[in-house]
C-alpha atoms as a PDB file:
ATOM      1  CA  MET A   1       0.000   0.000   0.000  1.00  0.00           C
ATOM      2  CA  LYS A   2       1.431   3.365  -1.046  1.00  0.00           C
ATOM      3  CA  SER A   3       1.376   6.365   1.235  1.00  0.00           C
ATOM      4  CA  ALA A   4      -0.665   9.446   0.428  1.00  0.00           C
ATOM      5  CA  ILE A   5       1.529  12.535   0.456  1.00  0.00           C
ATOM      6  CA  HIS A   6       0.094  15.953   1.241  1.00  0.00           C
ATOM      7  CA  GLN A   7       2.091  19.027   0.283  1.00  0.00           C
ATOM      8  CA  GLY A   8       1.899  22.211   2.324  1.00  0.00           C
ATOM      9  CA  TYR A   9      -0.124  23.345   5.286  1.00  0.00           C
ATOM     10  CA  PHE A  10      -3.403  21.894   6.497  1.00  0.00           C
ATOM     11  CA  PRO A  11      -5.179  22.447   9.827  1.00  0.00           C
ATOM     12  CA  GLY A  12      -3.575  20.330  12.528  1.00  0.00           C
ATOM     13  CA  VAL A  13      -0.263  19.688  10.759  1.00  0.00           C
ATOM     14  CA  VAL A  14       1.817  21.551  13.351  1.00  0.00           C
ATOM     15  CA  GLY A  15       0.266  19.510  16.139  1.00  0.00           C
ATOM     16  CA  GLN A  16       0.660  16.192  14.321  1.00  0.00           C
ATOM     17  CA  ILE A  17       4.327  16.740  13.509  1.00  0.00           C
ATOM     18  CA  THR A  18       5.073  18.039  17.006  1.00  0.00           C
ATOM     19  CA  GLU A  19       3.269  15.131  18.660  1.00  0.00           C
ATOM     20  CA  ALA A  20       5.094  12.550  16.528  1.00  0.00           C
ATOM     21  CA  HIS A  21       8.462  14.066  17.458  1.00  0.00           C
ATOM     22  CA  ALA A  22       7.630  14.424  21.156  1.00  0.00           C
ATOM     23  CA  LEU A  23       6.339  10.867  21.554  1.00  0.00           C
ATOM     24  CA  TYR A  24       9.132   9.202  19.604  1.00  0.00           C
ATOM     25  CA  TYR A  25      12.078  11.102  21.038  1.00  0.00           C
ATOM     26  CA  HIS A  26      10.788  10.924  24.596  1.00  0.00           C
ATOM     27  CA  SER A  27      10.123   7.172  24.461  1.00  0.00           C
ATOM     28  CA  GLN A  28      13.277   6.243  22.535  1.00  0.00           C
ATOM     29  CA  TRP A  29      15.790   8.819  23.782  1.00  0.00           C
ATOM     30  CA  GLY A  30      14.374  10.316  26.968  1.00  0.00           C
ATOM     31  CA  PHE A  31      14.139  13.856  25.602  1.00  0.00           C
ATOM     32  CA  ASP A  32      12.468  16.269  27.990  1.00  0.00           C
ATOM     33  CA  VAL A  33       9.810  18.944  27.527  1.00  0.00           C
ATOM     34  CA  SER A  34      12.348  21.409  26.100  1.00  0.00           C
ATOM     35  CA  PHE A  35      12.503  19.290  22.924  1.00  0.00           C
ATOM     36  CA  GLU A  36       8.744  19.291  22.357  1.00  0.00           C
ATOM     37  CA  ALA A  37       8.570  23.017  23.108  1.00  0.00           C
ATOM     38  CA  GLN A  38      11.384  23.746  20.644  1.00  0.00           C
ATOM     39  CA  VAL A  39       9.784  21.667  17.872  1.00  0.00           C
ATOM     40  CA  ALA A  40       6.393  23.326  18.442  1.00  0.00           C
ATOM     41  CA  ARG A  41       7.842  26.850  18.539  1.00  0.00           C
ATOM     42  CA  GLU A  42      10.166  26.544  15.539  1.00  0.00           C
ATOM     43  CA  LEU A  43       7.673  24.592  13.424  1.00  0.00           C
ATOM     44  CA  SER A  44       4.942  27.143  14.195  1.00  0.00           C
ATOM     45  CA  GLU A  45       7.240  29.981  13.153  1.00  0.00           C
ATOM     46  CA  PHE A  46       8.140  28.112   9.966  1.00  0.00           C
ATOM     47  CA  VAL A  47       4.501  27.476   9.026  1.00  0.00           C
ATOM     48  CA  ALA A  48       3.484  31.064   9.840  1.00  0.00           C
ATOM     49  CA  GLY A  49       6.175  32.412   7.483  1.00  0.00           C
ATOM     50  CA  PHE A  50       5.850  29.636   4.893  1.00  0.00           C
ATOM     51  CA  ASP A  51       6.610  30.694   1.324  1.00  0.00           C
ATOM     52  CA  PRO A  52       5.727  27.954  -1.204  1.00  0.00           C
ATOM     53  CA  GLY A  53       8.258  29.331  -3.661  1.00  0.00           C
ATOM     54  CA  ARG A  54      11.034  28.910  -1.113  1.00  0.00           C
ATOM     55  CA  ASP A  55       9.897  26.341   1.477  1.00  0.00           C
ATOM     56  CA  GLY A  56       8.578  22.810   1.337  1.00  0.00           C
ATOM     57  CA  LEU A  57       6.410  20.777   3.690  1.00  0.00           C
ATOM     58  CA  TRP A  58       5.182  17.235   3.067  1.00  0.00           C
ATOM     59  CA  THR A  59       3.234  14.850   5.278  1.00  0.00           C
ATOM     60  CA  ALA A  60       2.615  11.178   4.648  1.00  0.00           C
ATOM     61  CA  ARG A  61      -0.563   9.336   5.580  1.00  0.00           C
ATOM     62  CA  ARG A  62      -1.092   5.604   5.608  1.00  0.00           C
ATOM     63  CA  LYS A  63      -4.486   4.014   6.170  1.00  0.00           C
ATOM     64  CA  GLY A  64      -5.804   7.493   6.944  1.00  0.00           C
ATOM     65  CA  ARG A  65      -3.290   8.063   9.760  1.00  0.00           C
ATOM     66  CA  PHE A  66      -0.342  10.433  10.077  1.00  0.00           C
ATOM     67  CA  ALA A  67       2.749   8.435   9.111  1.00  0.00           C
ATOM     68  CA  GLY A  68       5.532  10.973   8.684  1.00  0.00           C
ATOM     69  CA  ALA A  69       6.706  14.398   7.626  1.00  0.00           C
ATOM     70  CA  ILE A  70       9.605  16.396   6.248  1.00  0.00           C
ATOM     71  CA  ALA A  71      10.221  20.080   5.601  1.00  0.00           C
ATOM     72  CA  ILE A  72      12.654  22.253   3.686  1.00  0.00           C
ATOM     73  CA  ASP A  73      13.366  25.676   5.133  1.00  0.00           C
ATOM     74  CA  GLY A  74      14.709  27.767   2.279  1.00  0.00           C
ATOM     75  CA  ARG A  75      15.043  31.113   4.098  1.00  0.00           C
ATOM     76  CA  HIS A  76      18.847  31.026   4.038  1.00  0.00           C
ATOM     77  CA  ALA A  77      19.337  28.683   1.085  1.00  0.00           C
ATOM     78  CA  GLU A  78      21.645  30.931  -0.908  1.00  0.00           C
ATOM     79  CA  ILE A  79      23.928  31.634   2.075  1.00  0.00           C
ATOM     80  CA  ALA A  80      23.957  28.526   4.276  1.00  0.00           C
ATOM     81  CA  GLY A  81      21.946  26.095   2.167  1.00  0.00           C
ATOM     82  CA  ALA A  82      18.402  24.837   2.434  1.00  0.00           C
ATOM     83  CA  ARG A  83      17.717  23.167   5.749  1.00  0.00           C
ATOM     84  CA  LEU A  84      15.957  19.825   5.927  1.00  0.00           C
ATOM     85  CA  ARG A  85      13.881  19.784   9.127  1.00  0.00           C
ATOM     86  CA  TRP A  86      11.259  17.875  11.100  1.00  0.00           C
ATOM     87  CA  PHE A  87      11.862  14.613   9.289  1.00  0.00           C
ATOM     88  CA  ILE A  88      10.076  11.773  11.029  1.00  0.00           C
ATOM     89  CA  VAL A  89       8.356   8.515  10.244  1.00  0.00           C
ATOM     90  CA  THR A  90       6.169   7.130  13.023  1.00  0.00           C
ATOM     91  CA  PRO A  91       7.395   3.789  14.415  1.00  0.00           C
ATOM     92  CA  GLU A  92       4.532   1.724  13.004  1.00  0.00           C
ATOM     93  CA  TYR A  93       5.411   2.867   9.471  1.00  0.00           C
ATOM     94  CA  GLN A  94       9.199   2.768   9.625  1.00  0.00           C
ATOM     95  CA  GLY A  95      10.874   0.467   7.132  1.00  0.00           C
ATOM     96  CA  VAL A  96       8.145   0.567   4.466  1.00  0.00           C
ATOM     97  CA  GLY A  97       9.639   3.275   2.215  1.00  0.00           C
ATOM     98  CA  ILE A  98       7.934   6.388   3.556  1.00  0.00           C
ATOM     99  CA  GLY A  99      11.230   7.928   4.677  1.00  0.00           C
ATOM    100  CA  THR A 100      12.803   7.316   1.281  1.00  0.00           C
ATOM    101  CA  GLN A 101       9.776   8.833  -0.450  1.00  0.00           C
ATOM    102  CA  LEU A 102       9.900  11.947   1.749  1.00  0.00           C
ATOM    103  CA  ILE A 103      13.668  12.431   1.353  1.00  0.00           C
ATOM    104  CA  HIS A 104      13.360  12.170  -2.428  1.00  0.00           C
ATOM    105  CA  LEU A 105      10.595  14.791  -2.480  1.00  0.00           C
ATOM    106  CA  ALA A 106      12.657  17.162  -0.341  1.00  0.00           C
ATOM    107  CA  VAL A 107      15.855  16.775  -2.394  1.00  0.00           C
ATOM    108  CA  SER A 108      13.937  17.144  -5.678  1.00  0.00           C
ATOM    109  CA  PHE A 109      12.316  20.307  -4.353  1.00  0.00           C
ATOM    110  CA  CYS A 110      15.755  21.744  -3.543  1.00  0.00           C
ATOM    111  CA  ARG A 111      17.092  20.816  -6.983  1.00  0.00           C
ATOM    112  CA  ASP A 112      14.064  22.390  -8.683  1.00  0.00           C
ATOM    113  CA  ARG A 113      14.684  25.633  -6.773  1.00  0.00           C
ATOM    114  CA  GLY A 114      18.348  25.622  -7.758  1.00  0.00           C
ATOM    115  CA  TYR A 115      19.561  25.495  -4.170  1.00  0.00           C
ATOM    116  CA  PRO A 116      23.310  24.819  -4.045  1.00  0.00           C
ATOM    117  CA  ASN A 117      23.089  22.462  -1.082  1.00  0.00           C
ATOM    118  CA  VAL A 118      20.803  21.050   1.566  1.00  0.00           C
ATOM    119  CA  TYR A 119      21.812  20.206   5.124  1.00  0.00           C
ATOM    120  CA  LEU A 120      20.335  18.784   8.290  1.00  0.00           C
ATOM    121  CA  TRP A 121      21.224  18.470  11.962  1.00  0.00           C
ATOM    122  CA  THR A 122      20.699  15.184  13.774  1.00  0.00           C
ATOM    123  CA  PHE A 123      22.488  13.186  16.431  1.00  0.00           C
ATOM    124  CA  GLU A 124      24.532  10.018  16.645  1.00  0.00           C
ATOM    125  CA  GLY A 125      22.593   6.807  17.193  1.00  0.00           C
ATOM    126  CA  LEU A 126      19.786   7.147  14.661  1.00  0.00           C
ATOM    127  CA  LYS A 127      21.230   4.362  12.497  1.00  0.00           C
ATOM    128  CA  ALA A 128      18.316   3.872  10.093  1.00  0.00           C
ATOM    129  CA  ALA A 129      18.021   7.625   9.489  1.00  0.00           C
ATOM    130  CA  ARG A 130      21.769   7.972   8.947  1.00  0.00           C
ATOM    131  CA  HIS A 131      21.687   5.114   6.435  1.00  0.00           C
ATOM    132  CA  LEU A 132      18.844   6.831   4.587  1.00  0.00           C
ATOM    133  CA  TYR A 133      20.690  10.171   4.547  1.00  0.00           C
ATOM    134  CA  GLU A 134      23.891   8.615   3.239  1.00  0.00           C
ATOM    135  CA  THR A 135      22.209   6.475   0.578  1.00  0.00           C
ATOM    136  CA  SER A 136      20.352   9.593  -0.559  1.00  0.00           C
ATOM    137  CA  GLY A 137      23.596  11.535  -1.092  1.00  0.00           C
ATOM    138  CA  PHE A 138      24.216  13.277   2.241  1.00  0.00           C
ATOM    139  CA  SER A 139      27.631  13.172   3.929  1.00  0.00           C
ATOM    140  CA  LEU A 140      28.606  13.791   7.527  1.00  0.00           C
ATOM    141  CA  CYS A 141      30.469  17.099   7.588  1.00  0.00           C
ATOM    142  CA  GLU A 142      30.515  18.197  11.233  1.00  0.00           C
ATOM    143  CA  GLU A 143      29.950  16.780  14.707  1.00  0.00           C
ATOM    144  CA  HIS A 144      30.359  17.823  18.310  1.00  0.00           C
ATOM    145  CA  THR A 145      29.084  16.917  21.765  1.00  0.00           C
ATOM    146  CA  VAL A 146      26.267  18.946  23.320  1.00  0.00           C
ATOM    147  CA  THR A 147      23.877  18.644  26.213  1.00  0.00           C
ATOM    148  CA  GLN A 148      20.349  19.477  25.178  1.00  0.00           C
ATOM    149  CA  TRP A 149      16.811  18.187  25.654  1.00  0.00           C
ATOM    150  CA  GLY A 150      17.954  16.709  28.945  1.00  0.00           C
ATOM    151  CA  GLN A 151      20.591  14.451  27.345  1.00  0.00           C
ATOM    152  CA  PRO A 152      24.250  14.492  26.318  1.00  0.00           C
ATOM    153  CA  LEU A 153      24.300  14.005  22.540  1.00  0.00           C
ATOM    154  CA  ARG A 154      26.787  13.776  19.716  1.00  0.00           C
ATOM    155  CA  GLU A 155      25.211  16.291  17.343  1.00  0.00           C
ATOM    156  CA  GLN A 156      25.889  15.738  13.639  1.00  0.00           C
ATOM    157  CA  LYS A 157      25.493  17.848  10.537  1.00  0.00           C
ATOM    158  CA  PHE A 158      24.929  16.137   7.188  1.00  0.00           C
ATOM    159  CA  GLU A 159      25.133  17.998   3.908  1.00  0.00           C
ATOM    160  CA  PHE A 160      24.334  17.267   0.276  1.00  0.00           C
ATOM    161  CA  ASN A 161      26.082  19.476  -2.289  1.00  0.00           C
ATOM    162  CA  LEU A 162      23.451  19.526  -5.027  1.00  0.00           C
ATOM    163  CA  ARG A 163      25.799  20.990  -7.610  1.00  0.00           C
ATOM    164  CA  GLN A 164      28.226  18.085  -7.279  1.00  0.00           C
ATOM    165  CA  GLY A 165      26.314  15.095  -5.992  1.00  0.00           C
ATOM    166  CA  LYS A 166      23.539  13.068  -7.482  1.00  0.00           C
ATOM    167  CA  GLU A 167      20.707  11.659  -5.454  1.00  0.00           C
ATOM    168  CA  LYS A 168      20.876   7.903  -5.269  1.00  0.00           C
ATOM    169  CA  GLN A 169      17.761   6.003  -6.191  1.00  0.00           C
END
């Protein structure tokens, strides 16, 4: 069964994406309330200033239920690159291709806009996500240790130079 992909804003999308992040990262990684608050605040700001010519937002649904999301924040694309954000696939739908589908949409969007590169911040330990990033063309370019969301983490930046690299299929 293929996932239905919705592009752009719809009522409730901020809450659905925030809830998916909060539940997953609290249960799997012990993140505290500061993580949920940060996701809600930054995602709300992104949606409020959303420009469809610059930004992208996609949500996946499976069997009528929220299954995942991804966003491209293009506000600083020409200076720092487009930022891939709020990428998540809910646990019950991981491993069925939704993540790959969402990553491909996001990278294609960036290519279509002529963005020179796209980057994302994540942390060490998300093995399936890292595999997906690397097989899609992203490379680890920076990492350092931080304490945030109530946890010590090895934060990692992955980047995809769209002018040099090709997305892998």
